[in-house]
C-alpha atoms as a PDB file:
ATOM      1  CA  MET A   1      93.469 103.325  96.848  1.00  0.00           C
ATOM      2  CA  THR A   2      92.228 102.930  93.151  1.00  0.00           C
ATOM      3  CA  LEU A   3      92.355 105.344  90.462  1.00  0.00           C
ATOM      4  CA  TYR A   4      89.854 104.775  87.586  1.00  0.00           C
ATOM      5  CA  HIS A   5      91.154 106.509  84.431  1.00  0.00           C
ATOM      6  CA  VAL A   6      91.778 106.387  80.809  1.00  0.00           C
ATOM      7  CA  ALA A   7      95.259 106.676  79.170  1.00  0.00           C
ATOM      8  CA  TRP A   8      94.596 109.932  76.999  1.00  0.00           C
ATOM      9  CA  CYS A   9      92.681 112.172  79.687  1.00  0.00           C
ATOM     10  CA  PRO A  10      94.580 115.289  80.722  1.00  0.00           C
ATOM     11  CA  ASP A  11      92.668 115.474  83.744  1.00  0.00           C
ATOM     12  CA  CYS A  12      93.891 111.787  84.639  1.00  0.00           C
ATOM     13  CA  GLU A  13      97.160 112.461  83.920  1.00  0.00           C
ATOM     14  CA  VAL A  14      97.301 115.352  86.240  1.00  0.00           C
ATOM     15  CA  VAL A  15      95.945 113.100  88.955  1.00  0.00           C
ATOM     16  CA  ARG A  16      98.611 110.284  88.140  1.00  0.00           C
ATOM     17  CA  GLN A  17     101.362 112.850  88.205  1.00  0.00           C
ATOM     18  CA  LYS A  18     100.255 114.177  91.821  1.00  0.00           C
ATOM     19  CA  LEU A  19     100.170 110.537  93.023  1.00  0.00           C
ATOM     20  CA  ALA A  20     103.564 109.742  91.485  1.00  0.00           C
ATOM     21  CA  GLU A  21     105.038 113.143  93.204  1.00  0.00           C
ATOM     22  CA  LEU A  22     103.484 112.204  96.425  1.00  0.00           C
ATOM     23  CA  GLN A  23     104.851 108.476  95.862  1.00  0.00           C
ATOM     24  CA  ILE A  24     101.584 107.062  96.626  1.00  0.00           C
ATOM     25  CA  ASP A  25     100.872 103.431  95.659  1.00  0.00           C
ATOM     26  CA  VAL A  26      97.817 103.185  93.692  1.00  0.00           C
ATOM     27  CA  GLU A  27      96.037 100.519  91.797  1.00  0.00           C
ATOM     28  CA  GLY A  28      95.129 101.838  88.449  1.00  0.00           C
ATOM     29  CA  VAL A  29      92.154 100.739  86.623  1.00  0.00           C
ATOM     30  CA  ILE A  30      92.065 101.858  82.873  1.00  0.00           C
ATOM     31  CA  VAL A  31      88.537 101.887  81.784  1.00  0.00           C
ATOM     32  CA  PRO A  32      86.745 101.880  78.472  1.00  0.00           C
ATOM     33  CA  ASP A  33      86.948 105.245  76.396  1.00  0.00           C
ATOM     34  CA  PHE A  34      83.203 104.771  75.667  1.00  0.00           C
ATOM     35  CA  ARG A  35      81.538 106.344  78.705  1.00  0.00           C
ATOM     36  CA  PRO A  36      78.525 103.936  78.744  1.00  0.00           C
ATOM     37  CA  MET A  37      80.846 100.956  78.953  1.00  0.00           C
ATOM     38  CA  ARG A  38      82.385 102.276  82.137  1.00  0.00           C
ATOM     39  CA  LYS A  39      80.287 100.168  84.370  1.00  0.00           C
ATOM     40  CA  VAL A  40      82.817  99.784  87.212  1.00  0.00           C
ATOM     41  CA  VAL A  41      82.961 103.604  87.253  1.00  0.00           C
ATOM     42  CA  LYS A  42      79.368 103.937  87.513  1.00  0.00           C
ATOM     43  CA  ASP A  43      79.109 101.306  90.381  1.00  0.00           C
ATOM     44  CA  VAL A  44      81.995 103.081  92.367  1.00  0.00           C
ATOM     45  CA  SER A  45      80.708 106.669  91.792  1.00  0.00           C
ATOM     46  CA  GLY A  46      77.403 106.836  90.411  1.00  0.00           C
ATOM     47  CA  GLN A  47      78.540 108.639  87.178  1.00  0.00           C
ATOM     48  CA  TYR A  48      80.577 107.552  84.066  1.00  0.00           C
ATOM     49  CA  TYR A  49      83.229 110.314  83.995  1.00  0.00           C
ATOM     50  CA  VAL A  50      86.950 109.926  85.094  1.00  0.00           C
ATOM     51  CA  PRO A  51      89.178 110.356  86.857  1.00  0.00           C
ATOM     52  CA  VAL A  52      87.593 108.844  90.091  1.00  0.00           C
ATOM     53  CA  LEU A  53      89.768 108.138  93.059  1.00  0.00           C
ATOM     54  CA  LYS A  54      88.676 105.714  95.707  1.00  0.00           C
ATOM     55  CA  ASP A  55      90.360 105.538  98.922  1.00  0.00           C
ATOM     56  CA  GLY A  56      88.636 103.238 101.491  1.00  0.00           C
ATOM     57  CA  ASP A  57      85.163 104.614 101.913  1.00  0.00           C
ATOM     58  CA  ILE A  58      86.080 107.892 100.240  1.00  0.00           C
ATOM     59  CA  VAL A  59      85.139 108.500  96.259  1.00  0.00           C
ATOM     60  CA  LEU A  60      86.160 111.554  94.553  1.00  0.00           C
ATOM     61  CA  THR A  61      84.986 112.442  91.252  1.00  0.00           C
ATOM     62  CA  GLU A  62      86.170 115.651  90.296  1.00  0.00           C
ATOM     63  CA  THR A  63      89.852 116.519  89.460  1.00  0.00           C
ATOM     64  CA  ASP A  64      90.375 119.459  91.737  1.00  0.00           C
ATOM     65  CA  ASP A  65      88.710 117.429  94.723  1.00  0.00           C
ATOM     66  CA  ILE A  66      91.155 114.687  94.106  1.00  0.00           C
ATOM     67  CA  LEU A  67      94.013 117.023  94.060  1.00  0.00           C
ATOM     68  CA  ASP A  68      93.013 118.693  97.199  1.00  0.00           C
ATOM     69  CA  TYR A  69      92.316 115.592  98.901  1.00  0.00           C
ATOM     70  CA  LEU A  70      95.635 113.862  98.076  1.00  0.00           C
ATOM     71  CA  ASP A  71      97.695 117.335  99.264  1.00  0.00           C
ATOM     72  CA  LYS A  72      95.561 117.607 102.457  1.00  0.00           C
ATOM     73  CA  THR A  73      95.740 113.894 103.256  1.00  0.00           C
ATOM     74  CA  TYR A  74      99.009 112.466 102.031  1.00  0.00           C
ATOM     75  CA  GLY A  75     101.053 115.695 101.311  1.00  0.00           C
ATOM     76  CA  GLN A  76     101.551 116.666 104.920  1.00  0.00           C
ATOM     77  CA  LYS A  77     102.857 113.240 105.619  1.00  0.00           C
ATOM     78  CA  GLN A  78     105.586 113.846 102.922  1.00  0.00           C
ATOM     79  CA  ILE A  79     106.453 117.081 104.403  1.00  0.00           C
ATOM     80  CA  ALA A  80     106.573 115.531 108.018  1.00  0.00           C
ATOM     81  CA  GLY A  81     108.748 112.788 106.766  1.00  0.00           C
ATOM     82  CA  SER A  82     111.176 115.116 104.813  1.00  0.00           C
END
């Protein structure tokens, strides 16, 4: 799993907190602040905005979608393992 983000982005921080809360190992890729320089984000998601989460073949570009996906996919595992 890979998270494309910038350090100062509030939405990125929310996603990072959710990943930490669910104890998910993720490769963090900090991308340039200047959107047109985010070639790797464009290549992965077709757009320049962050956060972008890539989990296998799944690519999510909206913060709410990312949080929902993490809860539904990984949150249940944490509850079951508790």
